[in-house]
Amino acid sequence: MDELGAEIDRVAAATSFSGVVRLDEAGTTVFERAYGLAHRGLGVPNTVDTRFAIASGTKPLTALTVMSLVEDGTLDLSTTARSVLGADLPLIDDAVTVEQLLAHRSGIGDYYDEHSDPSLPLPAQDLETTEQYVPVLDGHPMKFPPGTDFRYNNGAFVVLALIAERTSGVPFHDLVARRVCAPAGMADTAFLRTDEPDRRTALGYLDRDGLRTNVFQLPVRGNGDGGIYTTAADFHALWRAFFTGRIVSAKWVDEMVRPRSVHTESARRYGLGFWLHESSDVVLVEGYDPGVSFRSVCDPSGAFVRTVVGNTASGAWPVARLFG
């Protein structure tokens, strides 16, 4: 581990990495280190307990929230979006199900495509609550018939948040806190507002150098597809809680990590809210946004958990490549 630690330090220095790296083996933390600044203007350093936005690292928490509603009978994997949406979002095919949304197999049009057009359809401050997303989710035609293909879809996870909120009667942000964060012991994880940073919250920076942040690039408060803030320690706690059945029971854990699709570009597989290694049981979570980069990899047997989180868009990847 000394050699790997030295190599992590070397790559971090060479790439001006800003963030946190944590490696656990057999339930023991063997490496944990912070690099760079949480607030460049004030010179506030990142620490191992700094809270970072993790972009699409939020999706597993959304999936677990929905699956907890499936487990208690509020929803079913076969529940159609239409049965909850009513007349809202009429371009979503009536046959689209919760399971298809969780598996990125719904075929619905996406409101936010970080690869082709990462701009927000509304000013950042106008996207604070789940219901405020309804107008921006509307007007996007289906891309393929439900269940016939795989296409990564941010909007699908906001639709899931909307379904969860409407069927439970609890605001989505509170629902995630109650059903995922609380049982997992994730005391430092929350949907923070980007315009209210505190000393323990890393600002997301658009460039490797400079002071411009991502405050105008992302919704002022995250939702089902991204934007939650967490620490490396909290995300390790999430892995432990997930695979020990403290959030949903073992039956539903197995269902969530059962492959539904293969991503042709990476050969990775996808379950329900989680990426899966192409050939092993390893489960992966990734997140990317302007000013955000995140990867966490877990062996369900407990052999290892490896997490890198950064407050620039590409900062985490050179370090993450050192251990898969």
C-alpha atoms as a PDB file:
ATOM      1  CA  MET A   1       0.000   0.000   0.000  1.00  0.00           C
ATOM      2  CA  ASP A   2       2.959   2.347   0.549  1.00  0.00           C
ATOM      3  CA  GLU A   3       3.848   2.048  -3.126  1.00  0.00           C
ATOM      4  CA  LEU A   4       0.270   2.710  -4.230  1.00  0.00           C
ATOM      5  CA  GLY A   5       0.033   5.663  -1.861  1.00  0.00           C
ATOM      6  CA  ALA A   6       3.197   7.115  -3.305  1.00  0.00           C
ATOM      7  CA  GLU A   7       1.865   6.626  -6.835  1.00  0.00           C
ATOM      8  CA  ILE A   8      -1.439   8.315  -5.889  1.00  0.00           C
ATOM      9  CA  ASP A   9       0.531  11.258  -4.486  1.00  0.00           C
ATOM     10  CA  ARG A  10       2.613  11.429  -7.671  1.00  0.00           C
ATOM     11  CA  VAL A  11      -0.405  11.433  -9.989  1.00  0.00           C
ATOM     12  CA  ALA A  12      -2.257  13.894  -7.767  1.00  0.00           C
ATOM     13  CA  ALA A  13       0.677  16.289  -7.891  1.00  0.00           C
ATOM     14  CA  ALA A  14       1.209  15.879 -11.641  1.00  0.00           C
ATOM     15  CA  THR A  15      -2.463  16.553 -12.425  1.00  0.00           C
ATOM     16  CA  SER A  16      -3.147  19.168  -9.724  1.00  0.00           C
ATOM     17  CA  PHE A  17      -5.812  16.855  -8.341  1.00  0.00           C
ATOM     18  CA  SER A  18      -8.232  18.482  -5.904  1.00  0.00           C
ATOM     19  CA  GLY A  19     -10.344  16.098  -3.864  1.00  0.00           C
ATOM     20  CA  VAL A  20     -10.201  13.036  -1.625  1.00  0.00           C
ATOM     21  CA  VAL A  21      -9.028   9.466  -2.135  1.00  0.00           C
ATOM     22  CA  ARG A  22     -10.061   6.656   0.222  1.00  0.00           C
ATOM     23  CA  LEU A  23      -9.218   2.970  -0.059  1.00  0.00           C
ATOM     24  CA  ASP A  24     -10.639   0.275   2.233  1.00  0.00           C
ATOM     25  CA  GLU A  25      -9.583  -3.358   2.299  1.00  0.00           C
ATOM     26  CA  ALA A  26     -11.506  -6.017   4.227  1.00  0.00           C
ATOM     27  CA  GLY A  27     -13.369  -3.321   6.144  1.00  0.00           C
ATOM     28  CA  THR A  28     -10.254  -1.383   7.160  1.00  0.00           C
ATOM     29  CA  THR A  29      -9.258   2.005   5.776  1.00  0.00           C
ATOM     30  CA  VAL A  30      -5.747   1.614   4.383  1.00  0.00           C
ATOM     31  CA  PHE A  31      -5.413   4.970   2.604  1.00  0.00           C
ATOM     32  CA  GLU A  32      -7.258   8.251   3.057  1.00  0.00           C
ATOM     33  CA  ARG A  33      -5.913  11.580   1.892  1.00  0.00           C
ATOM     34  CA  ALA A  34      -7.171  14.995   0.818  1.00  0.00           C
ATOM     35  CA  TYR A  35      -5.617  17.195  -1.862  1.00  0.00           C
ATOM     36  CA  GLY A  36      -6.128  20.720  -3.124  1.00  0.00           C
ATOM     37  CA  LEU A  37      -8.595  23.399  -2.107  1.00  0.00           C
ATOM     38  CA  ALA A  38     -12.287  23.375  -1.298  1.00  0.00           C
ATOM     39  CA  HIS A  39     -12.419  27.164  -1.751  1.00  0.00           C
ATOM     40  CA  ARG A  40      -9.642  28.663  -3.824  1.00  0.00           C
ATOM     41  CA  GLY A  41     -10.543  32.278  -3.187  1.00  0.00           C
ATOM     42  CA  LEU A  42     -10.289  31.880   0.575  1.00  0.00           C
ATOM     43  CA  GLY A  43      -7.585  29.231   0.519  1.00  0.00           C
ATOM     44  CA  VAL A  44      -9.686  26.633   2.369  1.00  0.00           C
ATOM     45  CA  PRO A  45      -8.096  23.187   1.951  1.00  0.00           C
ATOM     46  CA  ASN A  46      -9.961  20.009   1.245  1.00  0.00           C
ATOM     47  CA  THR A  47      -9.977  17.589   4.175  1.00  0.00           C
ATOM     48  CA  VAL A  48     -10.982  13.939   4.340  1.00  0.00           C
ATOM     49  CA  ASP A  49     -14.371  14.994   5.716  1.00  0.00           C
ATOM     50  CA  THR A  50     -15.061  17.718   3.133  1.00  0.00           C
ATOM     51  CA  ARG A  51     -18.435  17.308   1.462  1.00  0.00           C
ATOM     52  CA  PHE A  52     -18.354  17.083  -2.334  1.00  0.00           C
ATOM     53  CA  ALA A  53     -21.086  17.037  -4.949  1.00  0.00           C
ATOM     54  CA  ILE A  54     -21.039  13.646  -6.703  1.00  0.00           C
ATOM     55  CA  ALA A  55     -23.260  14.303  -9.759  1.00  0.00           C
ATOM     56  CA  SER A  56     -24.671  10.971 -10.998  1.00  0.00           C
ATOM     57  CA  GLY A  57     -23.329   9.293  -7.887  1.00  0.00           C
ATOM     58  CA  THR A  58     -26.773  10.345  -6.663  1.00  0.00           C
ATOM     59  CA  LYS A  59     -28.562   7.840  -8.901  1.00  0.00           C
ATOM     60  CA  PRO A  60     -27.968   4.799  -6.661  1.00  0.00           C
ATOM     61  CA  LEU A  61     -29.516   6.711  -3.755  1.00  0.00           C
ATOM     62  CA  THR A  62     -32.533   7.492  -5.925  1.00  0.00           C
ATOM     63  CA  ALA A  63     -32.729   3.849  -6.976  1.00  0.00           C
ATOM     64  CA  LEU A  64     -32.525   2.675  -3.360  1.00  0.00           C
ATOM     65  CA  THR A  65     -35.240   5.131  -2.351  1.00  0.00           C
ATOM     66  CA  VAL A  66     -37.515   3.797  -5.079  1.00  0.00           C
ATOM     67  CA  MET A  67     -36.693   0.180  -4.239  1.00  0.00           C
ATOM     68  CA  SER A  68     -37.544   0.798  -0.590  1.00  0.00           C
ATOM     69  CA  LEU A  69     -40.984   1.926  -1.802  1.00  0.00           C
ATOM     70  CA  VAL A  70     -41.215  -1.248  -3.885  1.00  0.00           C
ATOM     71  CA  GLU A  71     -40.312  -3.329  -0.856  1.00  0.00           C
ATOM     72  CA  ASP A  72     -43.000  -1.758   1.314  1.00  0.00           C
ATOM     73  CA  GLY A  73     -45.639  -2.111  -1.401  1.00  0.00           C
ATOM     74  CA  THR A  74     -46.030   1.574  -2.259  1.00  0.00           C
ATOM     75  CA  LEU A  75     -44.703   0.852  -5.743  1.00  0.00           C
ATOM     76  CA  ASP A  76     -43.963  -2.159  -7.909  1.00  0.00           C
ATOM     77  CA  LEU A  77     -41.271  -2.569 -10.544  1.00  0.00           C
ATOM     78  CA  SER A  78     -44.122  -2.958 -13.026  1.00  0.00           C
ATOM     79  CA  THR A  79     -45.833   0.274 -11.937  1.00  0.00           C
ATOM     80  CA  THR A  80     -46.204   2.493 -14.968  1.00  0.00           C
ATOM     81  CA  ALA A  81     -45.073   6.081 -14.899  1.00  0.00           C
ATOM     82  CA  ARG A  82     -48.387   7.075 -16.425  1.00  0.00           C
ATOM     83  CA  SER A  83     -50.349   5.697 -13.465  1.00  0.00           C
ATOM     84  CA  VAL A  84     -48.590   8.258 -11.270  1.00  0.00           C
ATOM     85  CA  LEU A  85     -48.010  11.142 -13.688  1.00  0.00           C
ATOM     86  CA  GLY A  86     -51.595  11.399 -14.886  1.00  0.00           C
ATOM     87  CA  ALA A  87     -51.758  14.024 -17.624  1.00  0.00           C
ATOM     88  CA  ASP A  88     -48.241  15.317 -16.947  1.00  0.00           C
ATOM     89  CA  LEU A  89     -45.419  14.538 -19.409  1.00  0.00           C
ATOM     90  CA  PRO A  90     -47.715  13.195 -22.152  1.00  0.00           C
ATOM     91  CA  LEU A  91     -44.816  12.224 -24.462  1.00  0.00           C
ATOM     92  CA  ILE A  92     -43.774   9.452 -22.073  1.00  0.00           C
ATOM     93  CA  ASP A  93     -45.142   6.190 -23.462  1.00  0.00           C
ATOM     94  CA  ASP A  94     -47.966   4.768 -21.350  1.00  0.00           C
ATOM     95  CA  ALA A  95     -46.089   1.448 -21.114  1.00  0.00           C
ATOM     96  CA  VAL A  96     -42.944   2.854 -19.430  1.00  0.00           C
ATOM     97  CA  THR A  97     -42.392   1.177 -16.051  1.00  0.00           C
ATOM     98  CA  VAL A  98     -40.434   1.947 -12.900  1.00  0.00           C
ATOM     99  CA  GLU A  99     -38.073  -0.914 -13.703  1.00  0.00           C
ATOM    100  CA  GLN A 100     -37.333   0.447 -17.172  1.00  0.00           C
ATOM    101  CA  LEU A 101     -36.621   3.902 -15.750  1.00  0.00           C
ATOM    102  CA  LEU A 102     -34.233   2.424 -13.169  1.00  0.00           C
ATOM    103  CA  ALA A 103     -32.441   0.377 -15.848  1.00  0.00           C
ATOM    104  CA  HIS A 104     -32.128   3.214 -18.426  1.00  0.00           C
ATOM    105  CA  ARG A 105     -34.338   1.141 -20.735  1.00  0.00           C
ATOM    106  CA  SER A 106     -37.404   3.404 -20.783  1.00  0.00           C
ATOM    107  CA  GLY A 107     -36.684   5.107 -24.106  1.00  0.00           C
ATOM    108  CA  ILE A 108     -37.928   8.480 -22.866  1.00  0.00           C
ATOM    109  CA  GLY A 109     -36.367  11.677 -24.172  1.00  0.00           C
ATOM    110  CA  ASP A 110     -33.776  13.287 -21.917  1.00  0.00           C
ATOM    111  CA  TYR A 111     -33.872  16.855 -20.674  1.00  0.00           C
ATOM    112  CA  TYR A 112     -30.132  16.973 -19.911  1.00  0.00           C
ATOM    113  CA  ASP A 113     -27.458  15.395 -22.080  1.00  0.00           C
ATOM    114  CA  GLU A 114     -24.038  16.181 -20.622  1.00  0.00           C
ATOM    115  CA  HIS A 115     -22.311  14.917 -23.780  1.00  0.00           C
ATOM    116  CA  SER A 116     -24.108  16.869 -26.509  1.00  0.00           C
ATOM    117  CA  ASP A 117     -25.687  19.838 -24.686  1.00  0.00           C
ATOM    118  CA  PRO A 118     -24.944  20.213 -20.986  1.00  0.00           C
ATOM    119  CA  SER A 119     -26.715  23.564 -20.637  1.00  0.00           C
ATOM    120  CA  LEU A 120     -29.666  23.873 -18.277  1.00  0.00           C
ATOM    121  CA  PRO A 121     -33.089  24.536 -19.798  1.00  0.00           C
ATOM    122  CA  LEU A 122     -33.916  27.022 -17.017  1.00  0.00           C
ATOM    123  CA  PRO A 123     -31.870  29.322 -14.784  1.00  0.00           C
ATOM    124  CA  ALA A 124     -30.168  27.309 -12.042  1.00  0.00           C
ATOM    125  CA  GLN A 125     -32.173  28.943  -9.263  1.00  0.00           C
ATOM    126  CA  ASP A 126     -35.465  27.818 -10.849  1.00  0.00           C
ATOM    127  CA  LEU A 127     -34.679  24.123 -10.286  1.00  0.00           C
ATOM    128  CA  GLU A 128     -35.003  23.597  -6.551  1.00  0.00           C
ATOM    129  CA  THR A 129     -37.935  21.216  -6.009  1.00  0.00           C
ATOM    130  CA  THR A 130     -38.902  18.034  -7.831  1.00  0.00           C
ATOM    131  CA  GLU A 131     -42.159  19.470  -9.147  1.00  0.00           C
ATOM    132  CA  GLN A 132     -40.247  22.386 -10.695  1.00  0.00           C
ATOM    133  CA  TYR A 133     -38.680  19.870 -13.084  1.00  0.00           C
ATOM    134  CA  VAL A 134     -42.005  18.918 -14.692  1.00  0.00           C
ATOM    135  CA  PRO A 135     -41.901  21.667 -17.368  1.00  0.00           C
ATOM    136  CA  VAL A 136     -38.296  20.861 -18.334  1.00  0.00           C
ATOM    137  CA  LEU A 137     -38.976  17.116 -18.501  1.00  0.00           C
ATOM    138  CA  ASP A 138     -41.811  17.796 -20.942  1.00  0.00           C
ATOM    139  CA  GLY A 139     -41.525  18.069 -24.709  1.00  0.00           C
ATOM    140  CA  HIS A 140     -38.934  15.342 -25.314  1.00  0.00           C
ATOM    141  CA  PRO A 141     -40.142  12.580 -27.687  1.00  0.00           C
ATOM    142  CA  MET A 142     -39.499   8.907 -27.023  1.00  0.00           C
ATOM    143  CA  LYS A 143     -36.190   7.622 -28.449  1.00  0.00           C
ATOM    144  CA  PHE A 144     -37.164   3.934 -28.717  1.00  0.00           C
ATOM    145  CA  PRO A 145     -39.993   1.657 -27.569  1.00  0.00           C
ATOM    146  CA  PRO A 146     -39.892   0.958 -23.814  1.00  0.00           C
ATOM    147  CA  GLY A 147     -37.699  -1.969 -22.826  1.00  0.00           C
ATOM    148  CA  THR A 148     -36.066  -2.499 -26.219  1.00  0.00           C
ATOM    149  CA  ASP A 149     -32.683  -0.791 -25.704  1.00  0.00           C
ATOM    150  CA  PHE A 150     -30.311   0.843 -23.208  1.00  0.00           C
ATOM    151  CA  ARG A 151     -29.619   4.564 -23.210  1.00  0.00           C
ATOM    152  CA  TYR A 152     -28.265   6.408 -20.193  1.00  0.00           C
ATOM    153  CA  ASN A 153     -30.875   8.944 -19.171  1.00  0.00           C
ATOM    154  CA  ASN A 154     -30.760  11.685 -16.551  1.00  0.00           C
ATOM    155  CA  GLY A 155     -34.393  12.638 -16.981  1.00  0.00           C
ATOM    156  CA  ALA A 156     -35.514   9.103 -16.148  1.00  0.00           C
ATOM    157  CA  PHE A 157     -34.153   9.482 -12.631  1.00  0.00           C
ATOM    158  CA  VAL A 158     -35.917  12.797 -12.121  1.00  0.00           C
ATOM    159  CA  VAL A 159     -39.127  11.082 -13.249  1.00  0.00           C
ATOM    160  CA  LEU A 160     -38.379   8.394 -10.646  1.00  0.00           C
ATOM    161  CA  ALA A 161     -37.964  11.107  -8.002  1.00  0.00           C
ATOM    162  CA  LEU A 162     -41.303  12.565  -9.046  1.00  0.00           C
ATOM    163  CA  ILE A 163     -42.959   9.135  -8.838  1.00  0.00           C
ATOM    164  CA  ALA A 164     -41.424   8.496  -5.411  1.00  0.00           C
ATOM    165  CA  GLU A 165     -42.504  11.881  -4.098  1.00  0.00           C
ATOM    166  CA  ARG A 166     -46.066  11.654  -5.383  1.00  0.00           C
ATOM    167  CA  THR A 167     -46.717   8.085  -4.256  1.00  0.00           C
ATOM    168  CA  SER A 168     -45.173   8.494  -0.793  1.00  0.00           C
ATOM    169  CA  GLY A 169     -46.467  11.977  -0.079  1.00  0.00           C
ATOM    170  CA  VAL A 170     -42.982  12.937   1.165  1.00  0.00           C
ATOM    171  CA  PRO A 171     -40.720  15.494  -0.594  1.00  0.00           C
ATOM    172  CA  PHE A 172     -38.027  13.612  -2.494  1.00  0.00           C
ATOM    173  CA  HIS A 173     -35.070  15.163  -0.651  1.00  0.00           C
ATOM    174  CA  ASP A 174     -36.593  14.164   2.694  1.00  0.00           C
ATOM    175  CA  LEU A 175     -37.411  10.717   1.346  1.00  0.00           C
ATOM    176  CA  VAL A 176     -33.766  10.040   0.462  1.00  0.00           C
ATOM    177  CA  ALA A 177     -32.666  11.260   3.886  1.00  0.00           C
ATOM    178  CA  ARG A 178     -35.144   8.993   5.689  1.00  0.00           C
ATOM    179  CA  ARG A 179     -34.944   5.857   3.597  1.00  0.00           C
ATOM    180  CA  VAL A 180     -31.270   5.799   2.556  1.00  0.00           C
ATOM    181  CA  CYS A 181     -29.074   8.197   4.508  1.00  0.00           C
ATOM    182  CA  ALA A 182     -30.512   7.486   7.958  1.00  0.00           C
ATOM    183  CA  PRO A 183     -30.315   3.666   7.859  1.00  0.00           C
ATOM    184  CA  ALA A 184     -26.848   3.866   6.287  1.00  0.00           C
ATOM    185  CA  GLY A 185     -25.563   6.306   8.911  1.00  0.00           C
ATOM    186  CA  MET A 186     -24.731   8.947   6.280  1.00  0.00           C
ATOM    187  CA  ALA A 187     -24.874  11.989   8.541  1.00  0.00           C
ATOM    188  CA  ASP A 188     -22.845  14.171   6.148  1.00  0.00           C
ATOM    189  CA  THR A 189     -24.903  13.474   3.012  1.00  0.00           C
ATOM    190  CA  ALA A 190     -27.613  15.869   1.825  1.00  0.00           C
ATOM    191  CA  PHE A 191     -28.983  17.803  -1.126  1.00  0.00           C
ATOM    192  CA  LEU A 192     -27.219  21.077  -0.294  1.00  0.00           C
ATOM    193  CA  ARG A 193     -27.890  24.287  -2.190  1.00  0.00           C
ATOM    194  CA  THR A 194     -25.006  25.303  -4.427  1.00  0.00           C
ATOM    195  CA  ASP A 195     -25.491  28.970  -3.482  1.00  0.00           C
ATOM    196  CA  GLU A 196     -25.102  28.282   0.264  1.00  0.00           C
ATOM    197  CA  PRO A 197     -21.653  26.700   0.667  1.00  0.00           C
ATOM    198  CA  ASP A 198     -20.112  26.348   4.109  1.00  0.00           C
ATOM    199  CA  ARG A 199     -16.544  25.711   5.192  1.00  0.00           C
ATOM    200  CA  ARG A 200     -16.894  21.925   4.875  1.00  0.00           C
ATOM    201  CA  THR A 201     -18.348  22.032   1.349  1.00  0.00           C
ATOM    202  CA  ALA A 202     -16.112  22.007  -1.705  1.00  0.00           C
ATOM    203  CA  LEU A 203     -16.949  24.412  -4.493  1.00  0.00           C
ATOM    204  CA  GLY A 204     -16.906  22.879  -7.968  1.00  0.00           C
ATOM    205  CA  TYR A 205     -14.456  24.562 -10.330  1.00  0.00           C
ATOM    206  CA  LEU A 206     -14.805  24.720 -14.105  1.00  0.00           C
ATOM    207  CA  ASP A 207     -11.065  24.697 -14.823  1.00  0.00           C
ATOM    208  CA  ARG A 208      -7.980  23.191 -13.257  1.00  0.00           C
ATOM    209  CA  ASP A 209      -6.906  26.728 -12.371  1.00  0.00           C
ATOM    210  CA  GLY A 210      -8.942  29.852 -11.745  1.00  0.00           C
ATOM    211  CA  LEU A 211     -11.833  30.893  -9.529  1.00  0.00           C
ATOM    212  CA  ARG A 212     -14.882  30.276 -11.727  1.00  0.00           C
ATOM    213  CA  THR A 213     -17.302  27.850 -10.085  1.00  0.00           C
ATOM    214  CA  ASN A 214     -20.171  25.760 -11.459  1.00  0.00           C
ATOM    215  CA  VAL A 215     -22.898  27.636  -9.583  1.00  0.00           C
ATOM    216  CA  PHE A 216     -24.613  28.657 -12.851  1.00  0.00           C
ATOM    217  CA  GLN A 217     -24.091  25.312 -14.627  1.00  0.00           C
ATOM    218  CA  LEU A 218     -26.132  23.057 -12.320  1.00  0.00           C
ATOM    219  CA  PRO A 219     -29.512  23.206 -10.546  1.00  0.00           C
ATOM    220  CA  VAL A 220     -29.365  25.151  -7.306  1.00  0.00           C
ATOM    221  CA  ARG A 221     -30.415  21.959  -5.545  1.00  0.00           C
ATOM    222  CA  GLY A 222     -29.894  18.473  -6.923  1.00  0.00           C
ATOM    223  CA  ASN A 223     -32.585  15.912  -7.553  1.00  0.00           C
ATOM    224  CA  GLY A 224     -33.033  12.303  -8.636  1.00  0.00           C
ATOM    225  CA  ASP A 225     -30.375  12.380 -11.338  1.00  0.00           C
ATOM    226  CA  GLY A 226     -27.588  14.133  -9.470  1.00  0.00           C
ATOM    227  CA  GLY A 227     -26.369  16.833  -7.147  1.00  0.00           C
ATOM    228  CA  ILE A 228     -26.246  15.266  -3.699  1.00  0.00           C
ATOM    229  CA  TYR A 229     -23.247  16.133  -1.508  1.00  0.00           C
ATOM    230  CA  THR A 230     -21.402  13.527   0.525  1.00  0.00           C
ATOM    231  CA  THR A 231     -18.046  12.552   2.004  1.00  0.00           C
ATOM    232  CA  ALA A 232     -15.827   9.628   1.076  1.00  0.00           C
ATOM    233  CA  ALA A 233     -16.569   8.081   4.474  1.00  0.00           C
ATOM    234  CA  ASP A 234     -20.322   8.398   3.991  1.00  0.00           C
ATOM    235  CA  PHE A 235     -20.192   6.731   0.599  1.00  0.00           C
ATOM    236  CA  HIS A 236     -18.238   3.830   2.075  1.00  0.00           C
ATOM    237  CA  ALA A 237     -20.975   3.611   4.709  1.00  0.00           C
ATOM    238  CA  LEU A 238     -23.532   3.436   1.901  1.00  0.00           C
ATOM    239  CA  TRP A 239     -21.770   0.437   0.353  1.00  0.00           C
ATOM    240  CA  ARG A 240     -21.723  -1.376   3.712  1.00  0.00           C
ATOM    241  CA  ALA A 241     -25.382  -0.637   4.392  1.00  0.00           C
ATOM    242  CA  PHE A 242     -26.414  -1.673   0.886  1.00  0.00           C
ATOM    243  CA  PHE A 243     -24.695  -5.041   0.868  1.00  0.00           C
ATOM    244  CA  THR A 244     -25.704  -5.898   4.446  1.00  0.00           C
ATOM    245  CA  GLY A 245     -29.374  -5.300   3.703  1.00  0.00           C
ATOM    246  CA  ARG A 246     -29.873  -2.282   5.965  1.00  0.00           C
ATOM    247  CA  ILE A 247     -31.570  -0.176   3.271  1.00  0.00           C
ATOM    248  CA  VAL A 248     -33.432  -2.839   1.300  1.00  0.00           C
ATOM    249  CA  SER A 249     -33.429  -6.562   1.979  1.00  0.00           C
ATOM    250  CA  ALA A 250     -31.047  -9.040   0.311  1.00  0.00           C
ATOM    251  CA  LYS A 251     -33.736 -10.028  -2.194  1.00  0.00           C
ATOM    252  CA  TRP A 252     -33.857  -6.487  -3.561  1.00  0.00           C
ATOM    253  CA  VAL A 253     -30.086  -5.999  -3.349  1.00  0.00           C
ATOM    254  CA  ASP A 254     -29.726  -9.004  -5.640  1.00  0.00           C
ATOM    255  CA  GLU A 255     -32.350  -7.566  -7.971  1.00  0.00           C
ATOM    256  CA  MET A 256     -30.534  -4.235  -8.193  1.00  0.00           C
ATOM    257  CA  VAL A 257     -27.202  -5.799  -9.150  1.00  0.00           C
ATOM    258  CA  ARG A 258     -28.694  -8.237 -11.633  1.00  0.00           C
ATOM    259  CA  PRO A 259     -27.497  -7.147 -15.100  1.00  0.00           C
ATOM    260  CA  ARG A 260     -30.145  -5.725 -17.415  1.00  0.00           C
ATOM    261  CA  SER A 261     -27.961  -4.325 -20.196  1.00  0.00           C
ATOM    262  CA  VAL A 262     -24.442  -4.076 -21.578  1.00  0.00           C
ATOM    263  CA  HIS A 263     -23.065  -0.647 -22.402  1.00  0.00           C
ATOM    264  CA  THR A 264     -21.490  -1.138 -25.816  1.00  0.00           C
ATOM    265  CA  GLU A 265     -18.813   1.553 -25.454  1.00  0.00           C
ATOM    266  CA  SER A 266     -17.378   0.419 -22.109  1.00  0.00           C
ATOM    267  CA  ALA A 267     -18.560  -3.238 -21.985  1.00  0.00           C
ATOM    268  CA  ARG A 268     -19.818  -2.522 -18.489  1.00  0.00           C
ATOM    269  CA  ARG A 269     -23.180  -3.897 -17.517  1.00  0.00           C
ATOM    270  CA  TYR A 270     -26.017  -2.057 -15.793  1.00  0.00           C
ATOM    271  CA  GLY A 271     -28.484  -3.188 -13.165  1.00  0.00           C
ATOM    272  CA  LEU A 272     -30.978  -0.909 -11.417  1.00  0.00           C
ATOM    273  CA  GLY A 273     -29.195   2.314 -10.517  1.00  0.00           C
ATOM    274  CA  PHE A 274     -25.728   0.718 -10.446  1.00  0.00           C
ATOM    275  CA  TRP A 275     -22.992   0.064 -12.999  1.00  0.00           C
ATOM    276  CA  LEU A 276     -21.599  -3.475 -12.934  1.00  0.00           C
ATOM    277  CA  HIS A 277     -18.152  -4.680 -13.949  1.00  0.00           C
ATOM    278  CA  GLU A 278     -18.083  -6.363 -17.339  1.00  0.00           C
ATOM    279  CA  SER A 279     -17.107  -9.783 -15.978  1.00  0.00           C
ATOM    280  CA  SER A 280     -16.888  -9.777 -12.164  1.00  0.00           C
ATOM    281  CA  ASP A 281     -19.247  -9.033  -9.265  1.00  0.00           C
ATOM    282  CA  VAL A 282     -17.702  -5.598  -8.683  1.00  0.00           C
ATOM    283  CA  VAL A 283     -20.215  -2.733  -8.560  1.00  0.00           C
ATOM    284  CA  LEU A 284     -19.376   0.803  -9.667  1.00  0.00           C
ATOM    285  CA  VAL A 285     -20.793   4.288  -9.256  1.00  0.00           C
ATOM    286  CA  GLU A 286     -19.631   7.279 -11.288  1.00  0.00           C
ATOM    287  CA  GLY A 287     -20.516  10.925 -11.476  1.00  0.00           C
ATOM    288  CA  TYR A 288     -19.492  13.724 -13.805  1.00  0.00           C
ATOM    289  CA  ASP A 289     -20.695  17.311 -14.063  1.00  0.00           C
ATOM    290  CA  PRO A 290     -19.035  20.671 -14.612  1.00  0.00           C
ATOM    291  CA  GLY A 291     -16.855  20.980 -11.528  1.00  0.00           C
ATOM    292  CA  VAL A 292     -17.536  17.416 -10.325  1.00  0.00           C
ATOM    293  CA  SER A 293     -15.836  14.038 -10.844  1.00  0.00           C
ATOM    294  CA  PHE A 294     -16.495  10.920  -8.799  1.00  0.00           C
ATOM    295  CA  ARG A 295     -15.925   7.187  -8.891  1.00  0.00           C
ATOM    296  CA  SER A 296     -16.505   4.559  -6.218  1.00  0.00           C
ATOM    297  CA  VAL A 297     -15.892   0.853  -6.779  1.00  0.00           C
ATOM    298  CA  CYS A 298     -16.993  -1.898  -4.401  1.00  0.00           C
ATOM    299  CA  ASP A 299     -16.438  -5.628  -4.196  1.00  0.00           C
ATOM    300  CA  PRO A 300     -19.677  -6.993  -2.666  1.00  0.00           C
ATOM    301  CA  SER A 301     -17.697  -9.642  -0.778  1.00  0.00           C
ATOM    302  CA  GLY A 302     -16.159  -6.877   1.315  1.00  0.00           C
ATOM    303  CA  ALA A 303     -12.676  -7.268  -0.122  1.00  0.00           C
ATOM    304  CA  PHE A 304     -12.337  -3.602  -1.071  1.00  0.00           C
ATOM    305  CA  VAL A 305     -13.964  -0.227  -1.609  1.00  0.00           C
ATOM    306  CA  ARG A 306     -12.121   2.456  -3.595  1.00  0.00           C
ATOM    307  CA  THR A 307     -13.377   6.013  -3.884  1.00  0.00           C
ATOM    308  CA  VAL A 308     -12.064   9.140  -5.593  1.00  0.00           C
ATOM    309  CA  VAL A 309     -14.019  12.388  -5.539  1.00  0.00           C
ATOM    310  CA  GLY A 310     -12.868  15.694  -6.984  1.00  0.00           C
ATOM    311  CA  ASN A 311     -14.124  19.246  -7.350  1.00  0.00           C
ATOM    312  CA  THR A 312     -13.137  19.647 -10.993  1.00  0.00           C
ATOM    313  CA  ALA A 313     -14.739  17.955 -13.985  1.00  0.00           C
ATOM    314  CA  SER A 314     -11.857  15.662 -14.890  1.00  0.00           C
ATOM    315  CA  GLY A 315      -9.732  15.615 -11.755  1.00  0.00           C
ATOM    316  CA  ALA A 316     -10.746  12.217 -10.360  1.00  0.00           C
ATOM    317  CA  TRP A 317     -10.071  10.114 -13.442  1.00  0.00           C
ATOM    318  CA  PRO A 318      -6.238   9.965 -13.524  1.00  0.00           C
ATOM    319  CA  VAL A 319      -6.181   8.853  -9.883  1.00  0.00           C
ATOM    320  CA  ALA A 320      -9.116   6.441 -10.304  1.00  0.00           C
ATOM    321  CA  ARG A 321      -7.357   4.718 -13.193  1.00  0.00           C
ATOM    322  CA  LEU A 322      -4.643   3.580 -10.783  1.00  0.00           C
ATOM    323  CA  PHE A 323      -6.971   1.026  -9.202  1.00  0.00           C
ATOM    324  CA  GLY A 324      -9.715   0.405 -11.748  1.00  0.00           C
END
